[in-house]
Amino acid sequence: MTQTMKSPLSSLDKLAPQMEGWKVVADMSTAHLPMSDRDILNGDIVPTLIGSYDYGWFVNACVPEDQVETLRRAGFSEAYINILTTLRNRKVYYICFDCDAPVWPDFPTHERL
């Protein structure tokens, strides 16, 4: 059962100066991914994808600003790009999109898996 949690973004802002040497992973519901993004993540060659598993995807959030247009050309939604750039700017390196992970109130949700 996916639950909504208190926004972790403010906590990330407070921790960022203290995270030297750490690689932060965000655990986030697949409900934040439109079906079109899920289809792309299930493809053969996918920018940002590290791996997929039965319950979701593990992606690299550290997409440089000059590579965002590559994501758009690959067909990713603005919702996906916004998640990546927002978390990257808060020093999150990876995102685990999991069907049982919490819903973040800071981002819209779409169809559930």
C-alpha atoms as a PDB file:
ATOM      1  CA  MET A   1       0.000   0.000   0.000  1.00  0.00           C
ATOM      2  CA  THR A   2       1.479   3.322  -1.070  1.00  0.00           C
ATOM      3  CA  GLN A   3       1.373   6.003   1.589  1.00  0.00           C
ATOM      4  CA  THR A   4       1.812   9.761   1.397  1.00  0.00           C
ATOM      5  CA  MET A   5       4.468  11.169   3.659  1.00  0.00           C
ATOM      6  CA  LYS A   6       5.520  14.551   4.933  1.00  0.00           C
ATOM      7  CA  SER A   7       7.649  16.389   2.376  1.00  0.00           C
ATOM      8  CA  PRO A   8      11.304  15.343   2.625  1.00  0.00           C
ATOM      9  CA  LEU A   9      12.548  18.250   0.481  1.00  0.00           C
ATOM     10  CA  SER A  10      13.040  20.618   3.417  1.00  0.00           C
ATOM     11  CA  SER A  11      15.010  17.923   5.245  1.00  0.00           C
ATOM     12  CA  LEU A  12      17.232  17.488   2.188  1.00  0.00           C
ATOM     13  CA  ASP A  13      17.881  21.233   2.116  1.00  0.00           C
ATOM     14  CA  LYS A  14      19.022  21.137   5.750  1.00  0.00           C
ATOM     15  CA  LEU A  15      21.215  18.054   5.260  1.00  0.00           C
ATOM     16  CA  ALA A  16      22.856  19.042   1.960  1.00  0.00           C
ATOM     17  CA  PRO A  17      25.762  21.000   3.505  1.00  0.00           C
ATOM     18  CA  GLN A  18      26.541  18.022   5.766  1.00  0.00           C
ATOM     19  CA  MET A  19      26.434  15.330   3.067  1.00  0.00           C
ATOM     20  CA  GLU A  20      30.000  15.606   1.753  1.00  0.00           C
ATOM     21  CA  GLY A  21      31.046  12.139   0.665  1.00  0.00           C
ATOM     22  CA  TRP A  22      27.509  10.694   0.748  1.00  0.00           C
ATOM     23  CA  LYS A  23      25.382   9.566  -2.195  1.00  0.00           C
ATOM     24  CA  VAL A  24      21.707  10.023  -1.349  1.00  0.00           C
ATOM     25  CA  VAL A  25      19.003   7.731  -2.777  1.00  0.00           C
ATOM     26  CA  ALA A  26      15.379   8.888  -2.847  1.00  0.00           C
ATOM     27  CA  ASP A  27      12.713   6.201  -2.404  1.00  0.00           C
ATOM     28  CA  MET A  28       9.669   7.334  -4.381  1.00  0.00           C
ATOM     29  CA  SER A  29       6.406   5.790  -5.558  1.00  0.00           C
ATOM     30  CA  THR A  30       6.006   4.754  -9.184  1.00  0.00           C
ATOM     31  CA  ALA A  31       2.738   6.707  -8.986  1.00  0.00           C
ATOM     32  CA  HIS A  32       4.857   9.781  -9.790  1.00  0.00           C
ATOM     33  CA  LEU A  33       5.609   8.376 -13.251  1.00  0.00           C
ATOM     34  CA  PRO A  34       3.150   8.848 -16.104  1.00  0.00           C
ATOM     35  CA  MET A  35       2.548   5.653 -18.115  1.00  0.00           C
ATOM     36  CA  SER A  36       4.546   7.114 -21.005  1.00  0.00           C
ATOM     37  CA  ASP A  37       7.655   7.365 -18.792  1.00  0.00           C
ATOM     38  CA  ARG A  38       7.162   3.829 -17.521  1.00  0.00           C
ATOM     39  CA  ASP A  39       7.050   2.609 -21.126  1.00  0.00           C
ATOM     40  CA  ILE A  40      10.323   4.414 -21.885  1.00  0.00           C
ATOM     41  CA  LEU A  41      11.986   3.031 -18.737  1.00  0.00           C
ATOM     42  CA  ASN A  42      11.019  -0.477 -19.877  1.00  0.00           C
ATOM     43  CA  GLY A  43      12.808   0.095 -23.208  1.00  0.00           C
ATOM     44  CA  ASP A  44      16.175  -1.166 -24.410  1.00  0.00           C
ATOM     45  CA  ILE A  45      18.383   1.931 -24.281  1.00  0.00           C
ATOM     46  CA  VAL A  46      17.242   4.452 -21.703  1.00  0.00           C
ATOM     47  CA  PRO A  47      19.003   7.617 -20.552  1.00  0.00           C
ATOM     48  CA  THR A  48      19.206   7.772 -16.724  1.00  0.00           C
ATOM     49  CA  LEU A  49      18.185   4.118 -16.161  1.00  0.00           C
ATOM     50  CA  ILE A  50      20.533   2.106 -13.960  1.00  0.00           C
ATOM     51  CA  GLY A  51      18.283  -0.914 -13.621  1.00  0.00           C
ATOM     52  CA  SER A  52      14.759  -2.225 -13.488  1.00  0.00           C
ATOM     53  CA  TYR A  53      13.183  -4.883 -11.323  1.00  0.00           C
ATOM     54  CA  ASP A  54       9.720  -6.363 -10.789  1.00  0.00           C
ATOM     55  CA  TYR A  55       8.504  -3.416  -8.710  1.00  0.00           C
ATOM     56  CA  GLY A  56      10.072  -0.407 -10.390  1.00  0.00           C
ATOM     57  CA  TRP A  57      13.222   1.294 -11.600  1.00  0.00           C
ATOM     58  CA  PHE A  58      16.492   2.625 -10.211  1.00  0.00           C
ATOM     59  CA  VAL A  59      17.595   5.793 -12.003  1.00  0.00           C
ATOM     60  CA  ASN A  60      20.420   8.303 -11.964  1.00  0.00           C
ATOM     61  CA  ALA A  61      19.167  11.715 -10.841  1.00  0.00           C
ATOM     62  CA  CYS A  62      22.447  13.476 -11.678  1.00  0.00           C
ATOM     63  CA  VAL A  63      21.548  14.517 -15.187  1.00  0.00           C
ATOM     64  CA  PRO A  64      23.541  17.627 -16.088  1.00  0.00           C
ATOM     65  CA  GLU A  65      21.430  20.604 -17.098  1.00  0.00           C
ATOM     66  CA  ASP A  66      22.802  20.451 -20.646  1.00  0.00           C
ATOM     67  CA  GLN A  67      21.476  16.875 -20.980  1.00  0.00           C
ATOM     68  CA  VAL A  68      17.871  17.667 -20.045  1.00  0.00           C
ATOM     69  CA  GLU A  69      17.014  18.243 -23.708  1.00  0.00           C
ATOM     70  CA  THR A  70      18.214  14.694 -24.434  1.00  0.00           C
ATOM     71  CA  LEU A  71      15.582  13.426 -21.994  1.00  0.00           C
ATOM     72  CA  ARG A  72      12.904  15.462 -23.755  1.00  0.00           C
ATOM     73  CA  ARG A  73      13.948  14.084 -27.153  1.00  0.00           C
ATOM     74  CA  ALA A  74      13.803  10.571 -25.677  1.00  0.00           C
ATOM     75  CA  GLY A  75      10.142  11.307 -24.859  1.00  0.00           C
ATOM     76  CA  PHE A  76      10.301  11.741 -21.089  1.00  0.00           C
ATOM     77  CA  SER A  77       7.573  13.891 -19.544  1.00  0.00           C
ATOM     78  CA  GLU A  78       8.154  17.218 -17.862  1.00  0.00           C
ATOM     79  CA  ALA A  79       6.957  15.534 -14.639  1.00  0.00           C
ATOM     80  CA  TYR A  80       9.879  13.057 -14.799  1.00  0.00           C
ATOM     81  CA  ILE A  81      12.377  15.750 -15.730  1.00  0.00           C
ATOM     82  CA  ASN A  82      11.122  17.956 -12.876  1.00  0.00           C
ATOM     83  CA  ILE A  83      11.616  15.140 -10.361  1.00  0.00           C
ATOM     84  CA  LEU A  84      15.167  14.509 -11.586  1.00  0.00           C
ATOM     85  CA  THR A  85      16.220  18.152 -11.630  1.00  0.00           C
ATOM     86  CA  THR A  86      14.553  19.041  -8.314  1.00  0.00           C
ATOM     87  CA  LEU A  87      16.225  16.151  -6.509  1.00  0.00           C
ATOM     88  CA  ARG A  88      19.556  16.625  -8.294  1.00  0.00           C
ATOM     89  CA  ASN A  89      19.584  20.244  -7.122  1.00  0.00           C
ATOM     90  CA  ARG A  90      19.174  18.924  -3.570  1.00  0.00           C
ATOM     91  CA  LYS A  91      22.151  16.566  -3.887  1.00  0.00           C
ATOM     92  CA  VAL A  92      20.125  13.388  -4.468  1.00  0.00           C
ATOM     93  CA  TYR A  93      22.152  11.134  -6.752  1.00  0.00           C
ATOM     94  CA  TYR A  94      19.747   8.255  -7.353  1.00  0.00           C
ATOM     95  CA  ILE A  95      16.011   7.599  -7.293  1.00  0.00           C
ATOM     96  CA  CYS A  96      14.391   4.263  -6.609  1.00  0.00           C
ATOM     97  CA  PHE A  97      10.907   4.365  -8.137  1.00  0.00           C
ATOM     98  CA  ASP A  98       9.110   1.513  -6.379  1.00  0.00           C
ATOM     99  CA  CYS A  99       5.422   0.584  -6.418  1.00  0.00           C
ATOM    100  CA  ASP A 100       5.415   0.292  -2.604  1.00  0.00           C
ATOM    101  CA  ALA A 101       7.456   3.426  -1.895  1.00  0.00           C
ATOM    102  CA  PRO A 102       5.898   6.562  -0.412  1.00  0.00           C
ATOM    103  CA  VAL A 103       4.168   9.250  -2.435  1.00  0.00           C
ATOM    104  CA  TRP A 104       5.989  12.550  -2.107  1.00  0.00           C
ATOM    105  CA  PRO A 105       3.522  15.442  -1.676  1.00  0.00           C
ATOM    106  CA  ASP A 106       5.841  17.742  -3.654  1.00  0.00           C
ATOM    107  CA  PHE A 107       5.226  15.976  -6.962  1.00  0.00           C
ATOM    108  CA  PRO A 108       2.069  15.061  -8.904  1.00  0.00           C
ATOM    109  CA  THR A 109       0.882  11.469  -9.130  1.00  0.00           C
ATOM    110  CA  HIS A 110      -0.431   9.568 -12.124  1.00  0.00           C
ATOM    111  CA  GLU A 111      -1.897   6.134 -12.736  1.00  0.00           C
ATOM    112  CA  ARG A 112      -0.740   3.559 -10.236  1.00  0.00           C
ATOM    113  CA  LEU A 113       0.884   0.291 -11.289  1.00  0.00           C
END
